[in-house]
Amino acid sequence: MKANTGNVTKTVSRRMTDAKTYQFTYPDGKTFRKTATGRDLDSIEYNNSEIASYSRANGVLTAITKGQNLIETFSYNSWNMLDNHTVSNANADVYDMSYNYSRGWHLIEKADGIKNTSDKYVYDSYYRLKEVKYDFANNTAARTDSFFADGVHNIEQSTENGVTYAWGVDKLNRLREKKIGSNTESAYEYDERNNMISEDRSGTTNDRTYIYDDLNRLIEVKDGSQNTIAEYTYDAFNRRITKTVGNTTERYSYDDWDVVEISTNSDLYANIIDSGTDRHI
């Protein structure tokens, strides 16, 4: 089965098993091929070279191998929640994160096995995040942030990296302002369809104006001097197909609803996306 999406040709082939192979051929002749069993990815090839393979047990992802040296592993607790995530490169551990949860399944600790520190999370009686201690080691946190919410769960006050902010919302629970003491750091405006249309960040350079089309899709962002910062276009299925920032335009290629490649107006850059995990490969 073949389908044309812009200038990209998509080919889907079935095996006798439940596996399918999807191949995308681009105008420059490059190919992107992925094999999946059901919704689970088995492998990814780019230009006939395997760049990623996947292992699973009991229906959950347990390992990803990228190239020859990079291996990610995942383990889970009895609730099937992520317990440990490691990344090794040529047998050297470069990432090792363990996760602990409360009885209500809320994340309460993220422990870094490389740095021997942890981030700790505390919740209130409504299970709203109340406090975060970052890089906790030897009974001391490098940084502590705290949050206080109102009766309808809007944040009213936060202390982040030693700075206390007051958050103001309107009757529709839309964020209207962010203050430090009596000084307004940011103010926000919305249109009648609840799209945020402006951010006043107390400085022309940092101010933002947001423009939408009739389908409420963001199509342009401007700074306080009304210079265009970014522009976006979409296809008939509401998928973003281009993003232009300055002189660089990124184009998005899809497998149905999943982004599988981001390319630029220069042939020097192509970003392959693992549509099974939304990760950049």
C-alpha atoms as a PDB file:
ATOM      1  CA  MET A   1       0.000   0.000   0.000  1.00  0.00           C
ATOM      2  CA  LYS A   2       1.414   3.403  -0.969  1.00  0.00           C
ATOM      3  CA  ALA A   3       0.313   6.885  -0.013  1.00  0.00           C
ATOM      4  CA  ASN A   4       1.765  10.268  -0.931  1.00  0.00           C
ATOM      5  CA  THR A   5       2.081  12.956   1.733  1.00  0.00           C
ATOM      6  CA  GLY A   6       3.591  16.029   0.110  1.00  0.00           C
ATOM      7  CA  ASN A   7       6.827  14.827  -1.457  1.00  0.00           C
ATOM      8  CA  VAL A   8       7.234  11.846   0.855  1.00  0.00           C
ATOM      9  CA  THR A   9       6.216   8.375  -0.322  1.00  0.00           C
ATOM     10  CA  LYS A  10       4.977   5.946   2.309  1.00  0.00           C
ATOM     11  CA  THR A  11       4.986   2.170   1.796  1.00  0.00           C
ATOM     12  CA  VAL A  12       3.422  -0.322   4.213  1.00  0.00           C
ATOM     13  CA  SER A  13       4.070  -4.071   3.966  1.00  0.00           C
ATOM     14  CA  ARG A  14       2.670  -6.885   6.107  1.00  0.00           C
ATOM     15  CA  ARG A  15       4.339 -10.090   7.200  1.00  0.00           C
ATOM     16  CA  MET A  16       2.644 -13.367   7.976  1.00  0.00           C
ATOM     17  CA  THR A  17       2.832 -12.377  11.667  1.00  0.00           C
ATOM     18  CA  ASP A  18       1.275  -9.283  13.222  1.00  0.00           C
ATOM     19  CA  ALA A  19       4.334  -7.218  12.282  1.00  0.00           C
ATOM     20  CA  LYS A  20       4.214  -4.404   9.744  1.00  0.00           C
ATOM     21  CA  THR A  21       7.025  -2.549   8.035  1.00  0.00           C
ATOM     22  CA  TYR A  22       6.564   1.140   7.240  1.00  0.00           C
ATOM     23  CA  GLN A  23       8.966   2.772   4.810  1.00  0.00           C
ATOM     24  CA  PHE A  24       9.212   6.452   3.939  1.00  0.00           C
ATOM     25  CA  THR A  25      11.168   7.491   0.861  1.00  0.00           C
ATOM     26  CA  TYR A  26      12.171  11.147   0.698  1.00  0.00           C
ATOM     27  CA  PRO A  27      12.860  13.287  -2.380  1.00  0.00           C
ATOM     28  CA  ASP A  28      16.623  12.983  -1.895  1.00  0.00           C
ATOM     29  CA  GLY A  29      16.338   9.165  -1.985  1.00  0.00           C
ATOM     30  CA  LYS A  30      16.861   8.629   1.733  1.00  0.00           C
ATOM     31  CA  THR A  31      14.671   5.996   3.356  1.00  0.00           C
ATOM     32  CA  PHE A  32      13.239   5.672   6.827  1.00  0.00           C
ATOM     33  CA  ARG A  33      11.888   2.248   7.765  1.00  0.00           C
ATOM     34  CA  LYS A  34      10.283   1.029  10.967  1.00  0.00           C
ATOM     35  CA  THR A  35       8.952  -2.381  11.901  1.00  0.00           C
ATOM     36  CA  ALA A  36       6.176  -2.622  14.453  1.00  0.00           C
ATOM     37  CA  THR A  37       4.098  -5.371  16.011  1.00  0.00           C
ATOM     38  CA  GLY A  38       0.735  -3.854  16.701  1.00  0.00           C
ATOM     39  CA  ARG A  39       1.510  -0.425  18.171  1.00  0.00           C
ATOM     40  CA  ASP A  40       4.892  -1.541  19.527  1.00  0.00           C
ATOM     41  CA  LEU A  41       8.044  -0.641  17.636  1.00  0.00           C
ATOM     42  CA  ASP A  42      10.517  -3.443  16.955  1.00  0.00           C
ATOM     43  CA  SER A  43      13.227  -1.621  14.999  1.00  0.00           C
ATOM     44  CA  ILE A  44      14.050   1.536  13.055  1.00  0.00           C
ATOM     45  CA  GLU A  45      16.318   1.810  10.021  1.00  0.00           C
ATOM     46  CA  TYR A  46      17.609   4.919   8.280  1.00  0.00           C
ATOM     47  CA  ASN A  47      19.177   4.517   4.852  1.00  0.00           C
ATOM     48  CA  ASN A  48      19.206   0.718   5.332  1.00  0.00           C
ATOM     49  CA  SER A  49      21.166   0.926   8.603  1.00  0.00           C
ATOM     50  CA  GLU A  50      19.486  -0.036  11.863  1.00  0.00           C
ATOM     51  CA  ILE A  51      19.581   2.895  14.257  1.00  0.00           C
ATOM     52  CA  ALA A  52      17.309   1.572  17.022  1.00  0.00           C
ATOM     53  CA  SER A  53      15.854  -1.709  18.266  1.00  0.00           C
ATOM     54  CA  TYR A  54      13.373  -2.351  21.081  1.00  0.00           C
ATOM     55  CA  SER A  55      12.863  -5.079  23.666  1.00  0.00           C
ATOM     56  CA  ARG A  56       9.726  -5.687  25.715  1.00  0.00           C
ATOM     57  CA  ALA A  57       8.502  -7.965  28.481  1.00  0.00           C
ATOM     58  CA  ASN A  58       4.899  -8.381  29.554  1.00  0.00           C
ATOM     59  CA  GLY A  59       3.872  -5.616  27.184  1.00  0.00           C
ATOM     60  CA  VAL A  60       6.195  -2.906  28.540  1.00  0.00           C
ATOM     61  CA  LEU A  61       9.379  -1.460  27.092  1.00  0.00           C
ATOM     62  CA  THR A  62      12.487  -2.823  28.812  1.00  0.00           C
ATOM     63  CA  ALA A  63      15.364  -1.764  26.539  1.00  0.00           C
ATOM     64  CA  ILE A  64      16.271   0.402  23.561  1.00  0.00           C
ATOM     65  CA  THR A  65      19.501  -0.120  21.648  1.00  0.00           C
ATOM     66  CA  LYS A  66      20.632   2.808  19.502  1.00  0.00           C
ATOM     67  CA  GLY A  67      23.494   2.235  17.126  1.00  0.00           C
ATOM     68  CA  GLN A  68      26.204  -0.057  18.492  1.00  0.00           C
ATOM     69  CA  ASN A  69      27.010   1.503  21.861  1.00  0.00           C
ATOM     70  CA  LEU A  70      24.014   3.307  23.340  1.00  0.00           C
ATOM     71  CA  ILE A  71      21.640   1.173  25.425  1.00  0.00           C
ATOM     72  CA  GLU A  72      18.688   2.356  27.497  1.00  0.00           C
ATOM     73  CA  THR A  73      17.080   0.036  30.043  1.00  0.00           C
ATOM     74  CA  PHE A  74      13.798   0.365  31.922  1.00  0.00           C
ATOM     75  CA  SER A  75      12.508  -1.542  34.944  1.00  0.00           C
ATOM     76  CA  TYR A  76       9.135  -1.296  36.663  1.00  0.00           C
ATOM     77  CA  ASN A  77       7.647  -1.823  40.111  1.00  0.00           C
ATOM     78  CA  SER A  78       4.720  -4.081  41.016  1.00  0.00           C
ATOM     79  CA  TRP A  79       2.303  -1.323  39.942  1.00  0.00           C
ATOM     80  CA  ASN A  80       3.932  -1.308  36.510  1.00  0.00           C
ATOM     81  CA  MET A  81       5.285   2.192  37.107  1.00  0.00           C
ATOM     82  CA  LEU A  82       8.798   3.154  36.043  1.00  0.00           C
ATOM     83  CA  ASP A  83      11.246   2.143  38.767  1.00  0.00           C
ATOM     84  CA  ASN A  84      14.639   2.671  37.123  1.00  0.00           C
ATOM     85  CA  HIS A  85      15.927   4.143  33.870  1.00  0.00           C
ATOM     86  CA  THR A  86      19.549   3.812  32.797  1.00  0.00           C
ATOM     87  CA  VAL A  87      21.558   4.852  29.761  1.00  0.00           C
ATOM     88  CA  SER A  88      24.960   3.364  29.011  1.00  0.00           C
ATOM     89  CA  ASN A  89      27.344   4.325  26.251  1.00  0.00           C
ATOM     90  CA  ALA A  90      30.098   1.828  25.412  1.00  0.00           C
ATOM     91  CA  ASN A  91      29.520   0.106  28.787  1.00  0.00           C
ATOM     92  CA  ALA A  92      29.880   3.374  30.736  1.00  0.00           C
ATOM     93  CA  ASP A  93      26.798   4.548  32.649  1.00  0.00           C
ATOM     94  CA  VAL A  94      25.864   8.089  31.652  1.00  0.00           C
ATOM     95  CA  TYR A  95      22.377   8.193  33.205  1.00  0.00           C
ATOM     96  CA  ASP A  96      20.887   6.277  36.134  1.00  0.00           C
ATOM     97  CA  MET A  97      17.597   7.483  37.597  1.00  0.00           C
ATOM     98  CA  SER A  98      15.420   5.640  40.128  1.00  0.00           C
ATOM     99  CA  TYR A  99      11.859   6.583  41.049  1.00  0.00           C
ATOM    100  CA  ASN A 100       9.927   6.175  44.299  1.00  0.00           C
ATOM    101  CA  TYR A 101       6.186   6.654  44.726  1.00  0.00           C
ATOM    102  CA  SER A 102       3.662   7.168  47.505  1.00  0.00           C
ATOM    103  CA  ARG A 103       0.826   4.732  48.151  1.00  0.00           C
ATOM    104  CA  GLY A 104      -1.294   7.050  46.035  1.00  0.00           C
ATOM    105  CA  TRP A 105       1.157   6.529  43.143  1.00  0.00           C
ATOM    106  CA  HIS A 106       2.515  10.074  43.289  1.00  0.00           C
ATOM    107  CA  LEU A 107       6.196  10.534  42.547  1.00  0.00           C
ATOM    108  CA  ILE A 108       7.957  11.374  45.824  1.00  0.00           C
ATOM    109  CA  GLU A 109      11.608  10.909  44.907  1.00  0.00           C
ATOM    110  CA  LYS A 110      13.782  10.862  41.823  1.00  0.00           C
ATOM    111  CA  ALA A 111      17.240   9.571  42.728  1.00  0.00           C
ATOM    112  CA  ASP A 112      20.239  10.216  40.487  1.00  0.00           C
ATOM    113  CA  GLY A 113      22.658   7.295  40.727  1.00  0.00           C
ATOM    114  CA  ILE A 114      25.370   9.185  38.852  1.00  0.00           C
ATOM    115  CA  LYS A 115      25.449  12.317  41.031  1.00  0.00           C
ATOM    116  CA  ASN A 116      24.246  10.541  44.216  1.00  0.00           C
ATOM    117  CA  THR A 117      21.602  13.202  44.761  1.00  0.00           C
ATOM    118  CA  SER A 118      17.825  13.145  44.623  1.00  0.00           C
ATOM    119  CA  ASP A 119      14.855  15.414  43.998  1.00  0.00           C
ATOM    120  CA  LYS A 120      12.099  15.031  46.607  1.00  0.00           C
ATOM    121  CA  TYR A 121       8.426  15.914  46.080  1.00  0.00           C
ATOM    122  CA  VAL A 122       5.836  16.722  48.781  1.00  0.00           C
ATOM    123  CA  TYR A 123       2.065  16.994  48.246  1.00  0.00           C
ATOM    124  CA  ASP A 124      -0.803  18.506  50.233  1.00  0.00           C
ATOM    125  CA  SER A 125      -3.964  16.675  51.318  1.00  0.00           C
ATOM    126  CA  TYR A 126      -5.444  17.201  47.835  1.00  0.00           C
ATOM    127  CA  TYR A 127      -2.351  15.612  46.240  1.00  0.00           C
ATOM    128  CA  ARG A 128      -1.248  18.951  44.815  1.00  0.00           C
ATOM    129  CA  LEU A 129       2.472  19.557  44.586  1.00  0.00           C
ATOM    130  CA  LYS A 130       3.503  21.575  47.657  1.00  0.00           C
ATOM    131  CA  GLU A 131       7.284  21.401  47.797  1.00  0.00           C
ATOM    132  CA  VAL A 132      10.260  20.247  45.757  1.00  0.00           C
ATOM    133  CA  LYS A 133      13.757  19.766  47.139  1.00  0.00           C
ATOM    134  CA  TYR A 134      16.362  19.630  44.377  1.00  0.00           C
ATOM    135  CA  ASP A 135      19.745  17.871  44.480  1.00  0.00           C
ATOM    136  CA  PHE A 136      19.132  16.613  48.008  1.00  0.00           C
ATOM    137  CA  ALA A 137      22.227  15.041  49.587  1.00  0.00           C
ATOM    138  CA  ASN A 138      23.572  14.713  53.148  1.00  0.00           C
ATOM    139  CA  ASN A 139      20.233  15.976  54.543  1.00  0.00           C
ATOM    140  CA  THR A 140      20.596  19.238  52.606  1.00  0.00           C
ATOM    141  CA  ALA A 141      18.870  20.460  49.442  1.00  0.00           C
ATOM    142  CA  ALA A 142      20.657  22.685  46.948  1.00  0.00           C
ATOM    143  CA  ARG A 143      17.333  24.386  46.256  1.00  0.00           C
ATOM    144  CA  THR A 144      13.807  24.223  47.690  1.00  0.00           C
ATOM    145  CA  ASP A 145      10.710  25.442  45.841  1.00  0.00           C
ATOM    146  CA  SER A 146       7.248  25.668  47.392  1.00  0.00           C
ATOM    147  CA  PHE A 147       3.735  26.117  45.987  1.00  0.00           C
ATOM    148  CA  PHE A 148       0.392  27.186  47.462  1.00  0.00           C
ATOM    149  CA  ALA A 149      -2.906  26.691  45.603  1.00  0.00           C
ATOM    150  CA  ASP A 150      -6.356  28.220  46.133  1.00  0.00           C
ATOM    151  CA  GLY A 151      -9.633  26.362  46.658  1.00  0.00           C
ATOM    152  CA  VAL A 152     -10.056  25.613  42.946  1.00  0.00           C
ATOM    153  CA  HIS A 153      -6.449  24.452  42.518  1.00  0.00           C
ATOM    154  CA  ASN A 154      -4.964  27.561  40.903  1.00  0.00           C
ATOM    155  CA  ILE A 155      -1.471  28.394  42.144  1.00  0.00           C
ATOM    156  CA  GLU A 156      -1.692  31.547  44.284  1.00  0.00           C
ATOM    157  CA  GLN A 157       1.887  31.777  45.461  1.00  0.00           C
ATOM    158  CA  SER A 158       5.172  30.074  44.726  1.00  0.00           C
ATOM    159  CA  THR A 159       8.737  30.397  45.916  1.00  0.00           C
ATOM    160  CA  GLU A 160      11.170  29.347  43.212  1.00  0.00           C
ATOM    161  CA  ASN A 161      14.933  29.528  43.621  1.00  0.00           C
ATOM    162  CA  GLY A 162      14.518  31.958  46.520  1.00  0.00           C
ATOM    163  CA  VAL A 163      12.099  34.311  44.722  1.00  0.00           C
ATOM    164  CA  THR A 164       8.445  34.539  45.829  1.00  0.00           C
ATOM    165  CA  TYR A 165       5.802  35.021  43.134  1.00  0.00           C
ATOM    166  CA  ALA A 166       2.108  35.892  43.440  1.00  0.00           C
ATOM    167  CA  TRP A 167      -0.133  34.489  40.701  1.00  0.00           C
ATOM    168  CA  GLY A 168      -3.386  36.240  39.740  1.00  0.00           C
ATOM    169  CA  VAL A 169      -6.240  34.568  37.855  1.00  0.00           C
ATOM    170  CA  ASP A 170      -9.596  35.818  36.573  1.00  0.00           C
ATOM    171  CA  LYS A 171     -13.082  34.360  37.045  1.00  0.00           C
ATOM    172  CA  LEU A 172     -12.430  31.891  34.224  1.00  0.00           C
ATOM    173  CA  ASN A 173      -9.312  30.637  36.035  1.00  0.00           C
ATOM    174  CA  ARG A 174      -7.054  32.091  33.365  1.00  0.00           C
ATOM    175  CA  LEU A 175      -3.652  33.339  34.461  1.00  0.00           C
ATOM    176  CA  ARG A 176      -3.666  37.145  34.353  1.00  0.00           C
ATOM    177  CA  GLU A 177      -0.530  38.263  36.139  1.00  0.00           C
ATOM    178  CA  LYS A 178       2.603  37.168  37.904  1.00  0.00           C
ATOM    179  CA  LYS A 179       4.055  39.475  40.546  1.00  0.00           C
ATOM    180  CA  ILE A 180       7.200  39.767  42.621  1.00  0.00           C
ATOM    181  CA  GLY A 181       6.111  41.797  45.626  1.00  0.00           C
ATOM    182  CA  SER A 182       4.125  44.745  44.237  1.00  0.00           C
ATOM    183  CA  ASN A 183       5.872  44.619  40.862  1.00  0.00           C
ATOM    184  CA  THR A 184       4.111  42.899  37.978  1.00  0.00           C
ATOM    185  CA  GLU A 185       6.629  40.696  36.201  1.00  0.00           C
ATOM    186  CA  SER A 186       4.219  39.368  33.559  1.00  0.00           C
ATOM    187  CA  ALA A 187       0.652  40.170  32.468  1.00  0.00           C
ATOM    188  CA  TYR A 188      -1.473  38.051  30.144  1.00  0.00           C
ATOM    189  CA  GLU A 189      -4.405  38.804  27.806  1.00  0.00           C
ATOM    190  CA  TYR A 190      -6.817  36.438  26.032  1.00  0.00           C
ATOM    191  CA  ASP A 191      -9.278  36.618  23.160  1.00  0.00           C
ATOM    192  CA  GLU A 192     -12.942  35.660  23.315  1.00  0.00           C
ATOM    193  CA  ARG A 193     -12.003  32.053  22.491  1.00  0.00           C
ATOM    194  CA  ASN A 194      -9.616  31.840  25.459  1.00  0.00           C
ATOM    195  CA  ASN A 195      -6.464  31.882  23.355  1.00  0.00           C
ATOM    196  CA  MET A 196      -3.605  33.743  25.026  1.00  0.00           C
ATOM    197  CA  ILE A 197      -2.893  36.667  22.713  1.00  0.00           C
ATOM    198  CA  SER A 198      -0.267  38.642  24.613  1.00  0.00           C
ATOM    199  CA  GLU A 199       2.380  38.456  27.319  1.00  0.00           C
ATOM    200  CA  ASP A 200       3.612  41.721  28.790  1.00  0.00           C
ATOM    201  CA  ARG A 201       6.954  40.854  30.381  1.00  0.00           C
ATOM    202  CA  SER A 202       7.878  44.403  31.430  1.00  0.00           C
ATOM    203  CA  GLY A 203      10.171  44.926  28.488  1.00  0.00           C
ATOM    204  CA  THR A 204       9.610  45.362  24.766  1.00  0.00           C
ATOM    205  CA  THR A 205      12.196  42.759  23.793  1.00  0.00           C
ATOM    206  CA  ASN A 206      10.629  40.081  25.981  1.00  0.00           C
ATOM    207  CA  ASP A 207       6.965  40.899  25.266  1.00  0.00           C
ATOM    208  CA  ARG A 208       5.044  38.472  23.084  1.00  0.00           C
ATOM    209  CA  THR A 209       1.987  38.661  20.816  1.00  0.00           C
ATOM    210  CA  TYR A 210       0.319  35.432  19.659  1.00  0.00           C
ATOM    211  CA  ILE A 211      -1.772  35.219  16.487  1.00  0.00           C
ATOM    212  CA  TYR A 212      -4.185  32.390  15.661  1.00  0.00           C
ATOM    213  CA  ASP A 213      -6.173  31.318  12.622  1.00  0.00           C
ATOM    214  CA  ASP A 214      -9.921  30.664  12.536  1.00  0.00           C
ATOM    215  CA  LEU A 215      -9.333  27.146  13.886  1.00  0.00           C
ATOM    216  CA  ASN A 216      -7.497  28.500  16.954  1.00  0.00           C
ATOM    217  CA  ARG A 217      -4.155  27.242  15.673  1.00  0.00           C
ATOM    218  CA  LEU A 218      -1.094  29.311  16.536  1.00  0.00           C
ATOM    219  CA  ILE A 219       0.281  30.755  13.292  1.00  0.00           C
ATOM    220  CA  GLU A 220       2.606  33.575  14.372  1.00  0.00           C
ATOM    221  CA  VAL A 221       4.521  34.911  17.382  1.00  0.00           C
ATOM    222  CA  LYS A 222       5.780  38.513  17.543  1.00  0.00           C
ATOM    223  CA  ASP A 223       7.977  40.401  19.986  1.00  0.00           C
ATOM    224  CA  GLY A 224       7.151  43.733  21.618  1.00  0.00           C
ATOM    225  CA  SER A 225       8.319  45.633  18.521  1.00  0.00           C
ATOM    226  CA  GLN A 226       5.965  43.525  16.393  1.00  0.00           C
ATOM    227  CA  ASN A 227       8.824  41.725  14.711  1.00  0.00           C
ATOM    228  CA  THR A 228       7.948  38.163  13.751  1.00  0.00           C
ATOM    229  CA  ILE A 229       9.737  35.587  15.884  1.00  0.00           C
ATOM    230  CA  ALA A 230       8.106  32.413  14.587  1.00  0.00           C
ATOM    231  CA  GLU A 231       5.499  31.285  12.051  1.00  0.00           C
ATOM    232  CA  TYR A 232       3.619  27.985  11.782  1.00  0.00           C
ATOM    233  CA  THR A 233       1.576  26.266   9.063  1.00  0.00           C
ATOM    234  CA  TYR A 234      -0.732  23.251   9.205  1.00  0.00           C
ATOM    235  CA  ASP A 235      -2.272  20.722   6.860  1.00  0.00           C
ATOM    236  CA  ALA A 236      -5.952  19.856   6.446  1.00  0.00           C
ATOM    237  CA  PHE A 237      -5.686  17.377   9.329  1.00  0.00           C
ATOM    238  CA  ASN A 238      -4.489  20.084  11.780  1.00  0.00           C
ATOM    239  CA  ARG A 239      -0.972  18.666  11.810  1.00  0.00           C
ATOM    240  CA  ARG A 240       1.786  21.249  12.023  1.00  0.00           C
ATOM    241  CA  ILE A 241       3.841  20.932   8.849  1.00  0.00           C
ATOM    242  CA  THR A 242       6.272  23.857   9.106  1.00  0.00           C
ATOM    243  CA  LYS A 243       7.837  26.075  11.748  1.00  0.00           C
ATOM    244  CA  THR A 244       9.878  29.084  10.636  1.00  0.00           C
ATOM    245  CA  VAL A 245      12.198  30.884  13.049  1.00  0.00           C
ATOM    246  CA  GLY A 246      14.372  33.533  11.432  1.00  0.00           C
ATOM    247  CA  ASN A 247      15.706  32.117   8.173  1.00  0.00           C
ATOM    248  CA  THR A 248      15.282  28.484   9.203  1.00  0.00           C
ATOM    249  CA  THR A 249      12.181  26.486   8.309  1.00  0.00           C
ATOM    250  CA  GLU A 250      11.604  23.086   9.870  1.00  0.00           C
ATOM    251  CA  ARG A 251       9.340  20.676   7.981  1.00  0.00           C
ATOM    252  CA  TYR A 252       7.531  17.820   9.687  1.00  0.00           C
ATOM    253  CA  SER A 253       6.853  14.434   8.075  1.00  0.00           C
ATOM    254  CA  TYR A 254       4.258  12.140   9.612  1.00  0.00           C
ATOM    255  CA  ASP A 255       3.304   8.506   9.938  1.00  0.00           C
ATOM    256  CA  ASP A 256      -0.408   9.092  10.358  1.00  0.00           C
ATOM    257  CA  TRP A 257      -0.347  11.323  13.489  1.00  0.00           C
ATOM    258  CA  ASP A 258       3.213  10.626  14.605  1.00  0.00           C
ATOM    259  CA  VAL A 259       6.106  12.879  13.599  1.00  0.00           C
ATOM    260  CA  VAL A 260       8.825  10.692  12.112  1.00  0.00           C
ATOM    261  CA  GLU A 261      11.208  13.297  10.700  1.00  0.00           C
ATOM    262  CA  ILE A 262      11.998  16.978  11.094  1.00  0.00           C
ATOM    263  CA  SER A 263      14.042  18.434   8.244  1.00  0.00           C
ATOM    264  CA  THR A 264      15.173  21.985   7.477  1.00  0.00           C
ATOM    265  CA  ASN A 265      15.556  24.056   4.342  1.00  0.00           C
ATOM    266  CA  SER A 266      19.185  22.951   4.490  1.00  0.00           C
ATOM    267  CA  ASP A 267      20.067  19.348   3.627  1.00  0.00           C
ATOM    268  CA  LEU A 268      22.544  19.392   6.508  1.00  0.00           C
ATOM    269  CA  TYR A 269      19.979  18.562   9.177  1.00  0.00           C
ATOM    270  CA  ALA A 270      17.458  15.786   9.602  1.00  0.00           C
ATOM    271  CA  ASN A 271      15.995  14.825  12.970  1.00  0.00           C
ATOM    272  CA  ILE A 272      14.549  11.325  13.140  1.00  0.00           C
ATOM    273  CA  ILE A 273      11.760  10.846  15.678  1.00  0.00           C
ATOM    274  CA  ASP A 274      10.941   7.557  17.380  1.00  0.00           C
ATOM    275  CA  SER A 275       7.172   7.753  16.967  1.00  0.00           C
ATOM    276  CA  GLY A 276       6.711   5.035  19.569  1.00  0.00           C
ATOM    277  CA  THR A 277       8.175   7.143  22.381  1.00  0.00           C
ATOM    278  CA  ASP A 278       8.302  10.644  20.798  1.00  0.00           C
ATOM    279  CA  ARG A 279      12.053  10.707  21.358  1.00  0.00           C
ATOM    280  CA  HIS A 280      14.634  12.178  19.041  1.00  0.00           C
ATOM    281  CA  ILE A 281      17.036   9.553  17.744  1.00  0.00           C
END
